[in-house]
Amino acid sequence: MMFLKSSTGKSLNDHIIRLSPLIHYDTNTPENVIPLVKDLYALDMDLTKDEEINSLIACFNAWKNGRIYNQPIEFKVERNSDLLFQQGDKWYQDGMNRWVSWEDSERPVN
């Protein structure tokens, strides 16, 4: 990704939107979300049970409602597990707002 920035001179945020929940908790995570994140850590790649699928749905809802971080393009993890967001969107809604603004800017004006 460093080549994208060096070849265009633009920030990664001007080229890429990543929308994906970051399965991580830190000192800023709401206490009632931590058990969900721990359950997600324990999931196998093949979800076969209803409770596993329900955990995935709960993850989506928590991510969409700003209770689980969005996975940024670039970040660092501090010793206490807190995240330092460097590139990308910290929250789902921020990424969606950027995406919609990109779509709006590309629509032809009638």
Protein backbone atom coordinates (compact mmCIF):
# COMPACT_ATOMS: atom_id res chain seq x y z
CA MET A 1 0.00 0.00 0.00
CA MET A 2 2.97 2.29 0.39
CA PHE A 3 3.37 2.10 -3.39
CA LEU A 4 -0.18 3.35 -3.90
CA LYS A 5 0.57 6.43 -1.82
CA SER A 6 3.97 7.08 -3.39
CA SER A 7 2.64 6.68 -6.94
CA THR A 8 -0.40 8.92 -6.49
CA GLY A 9 0.61 11.24 -3.65
CA LYS A 10 -2.80 10.67 -2.07
CA SER A 11 -3.63 9.21 1.33
CA LEU A 12 -4.84 5.62 1.50
CA ASN A 13 -8.12 7.01 2.82
CA ASP A 14 -8.58 8.68 -0.57
CA HIS A 15 -8.42 5.28 -2.34
CA ILE A 16 -9.64 2.55 -0.01
CA ILE A 17 -12.58 1.96 2.29
CA ARG A 18 -12.40 -1.16 4.42
CA LEU A 19 -15.64 -2.26 6.05
CA SER A 20 -15.06 -5.26 8.26
CA PRO A 21 -15.50 -5.79 11.99
CA LEU A 22 -12.27 -5.96 13.97
CA ILE A 23 -12.57 -8.85 16.41
CA HIS A 24 -10.62 -7.22 19.23
CA TYR A 25 -11.33 -5.72 22.61
CA ASP A 26 -9.40 -3.21 24.66
CA THR A 27 -9.91 -0.79 27.54
CA ASN A 28 -12.38 1.23 25.43
CA THR A 29 -14.64 -1.72 24.58
CA PRO A 30 -18.00 -1.74 26.38
CA GLU A 31 -17.95 -4.41 29.11
CA ASN A 32 -21.05 -6.13 27.77
CA VAL A 33 -19.39 -6.62 24.34
CA ILE A 34 -16.25 -8.37 25.64
CA PRO A 35 -17.96 -11.79 26.12
CA LEU A 36 -19.18 -11.60 22.50
CA VAL A 37 -15.67 -10.88 21.24
CA LYS A 38 -14.32 -13.80 23.29
CA ASP A 39 -17.02 -16.04 21.77
CA LEU A 40 -16.01 -14.87 18.30
CA TYR A 41 -12.35 -15.68 19.05
CA ALA A 42 -13.40 -19.24 19.84
CA LEU A 43 -15.39 -19.85 16.64
CA ASP A 44 -14.19 -22.36 14.10
CA MET A 45 -14.07 -21.47 10.40
CA ASP A 46 -17.10 -23.67 9.75
CA LEU A 47 -20.18 -22.37 11.53
CA THR A 48 -22.69 -25.19 11.89
CA LYS A 49 -24.65 -24.46 15.07
CA ASP A 50 -27.38 -21.90 15.53
CA GLU A 51 -25.59 -20.30 18.50
CA GLU A 52 -22.46 -19.80 16.35
CA ILE A 53 -24.49 -18.12 13.62
CA ASN A 54 -26.26 -16.02 16.27
CA SER A 55 -22.85 -14.88 17.57
CA LEU A 56 -21.95 -13.78 14.04
CA ILE A 57 -25.22 -11.87 13.71
CA ALA A 58 -24.63 -10.24 17.13
CA CYS A 59 -21.14 -9.25 15.91
CA PHE A 60 -22.60 -7.59 12.83
CA ASN A 61 -25.15 -5.68 14.90
CA ALA A 62 -22.54 -4.56 17.46
CA TRP A 63 -20.20 -3.46 14.65
CA LYS A 64 -22.94 -1.61 12.81
CA ASN A 65 -24.04 0.11 16.03
CA GLY A 66 -20.52 1.29 16.95
CA ARG A 67 -19.83 -1.17 19.75
CA ILE A 68 -17.16 -3.16 17.87
CA TYR A 69 -14.40 -1.40 15.96
CA ASN A 70 -14.20 -1.37 12.19
CA GLN A 71 -10.97 -2.91 10.89
CA PRO A 72 -8.81 -0.03 9.68
CA ILE A 73 -6.35 -0.19 6.82
CA GLU A 74 -3.44 0.39 9.18
CA PHE A 75 -3.21 0.35 12.97
CA LYS A 76 -0.88 -0.49 15.83
CA VAL A 77 -1.61 -2.32 19.06
CA GLU A 78 -0.23 -0.85 22.27
CA ARG A 79 1.06 -3.02 25.11
CA ASN A 80 -2.24 -2.73 26.95
CA SER A 81 -4.06 -3.92 23.75
CA ASP A 82 -5.50 -0.45 22.96
CA LEU A 83 -5.47 0.39 19.27
CA LEU A 84 -3.86 3.32 17.50
CA PHE A 85 -5.74 3.90 14.27
CA GLN A 86 -3.47 5.27 11.53
CA GLN A 87 -5.32 4.80 8.23
CA GLY A 88 -8.91 3.86 7.66
CA ASP A 89 -12.13 4.23 9.57
CA LYS A 90 -12.44 3.37 13.25
CA TRP A 91 -16.20 2.88 13.08
CA TYR A 92 -18.55 1.25 10.58
CA GLN A 93 -20.66 4.40 10.21
CA ASP A 94 -17.62 6.55 9.34
CA GLY A 95 -16.68 4.15 6.53
CA MET A 96 -20.25 4.00 5.24
CA ASN A 97 -20.49 7.80 5.27
CA ARG A 98 -17.30 8.05 3.20
CA TRP A 99 -18.58 5.41 0.77
CA VAL A 100 -21.88 7.23 0.29
CA SER A 101 -20.03 10.53 -0.21
CA TRP A 102 -17.88 8.90 -2.92
CA GLU A 103 -20.97 7.55 -4.66
CA ASP A 104 -22.68 10.95 -4.42
CA SER A 105 -19.65 12.72 -5.89
CA GLU A 106 -19.60 10.35 -8.89
CA ARG A 107 -23.28 10.74 -9.81
CA PRO A 108 -23.91 12.91 -12.84
CA VAL A 109 -25.79 16.12 -12.22
CA ASN A 110 -28.95 16.39 -14.31
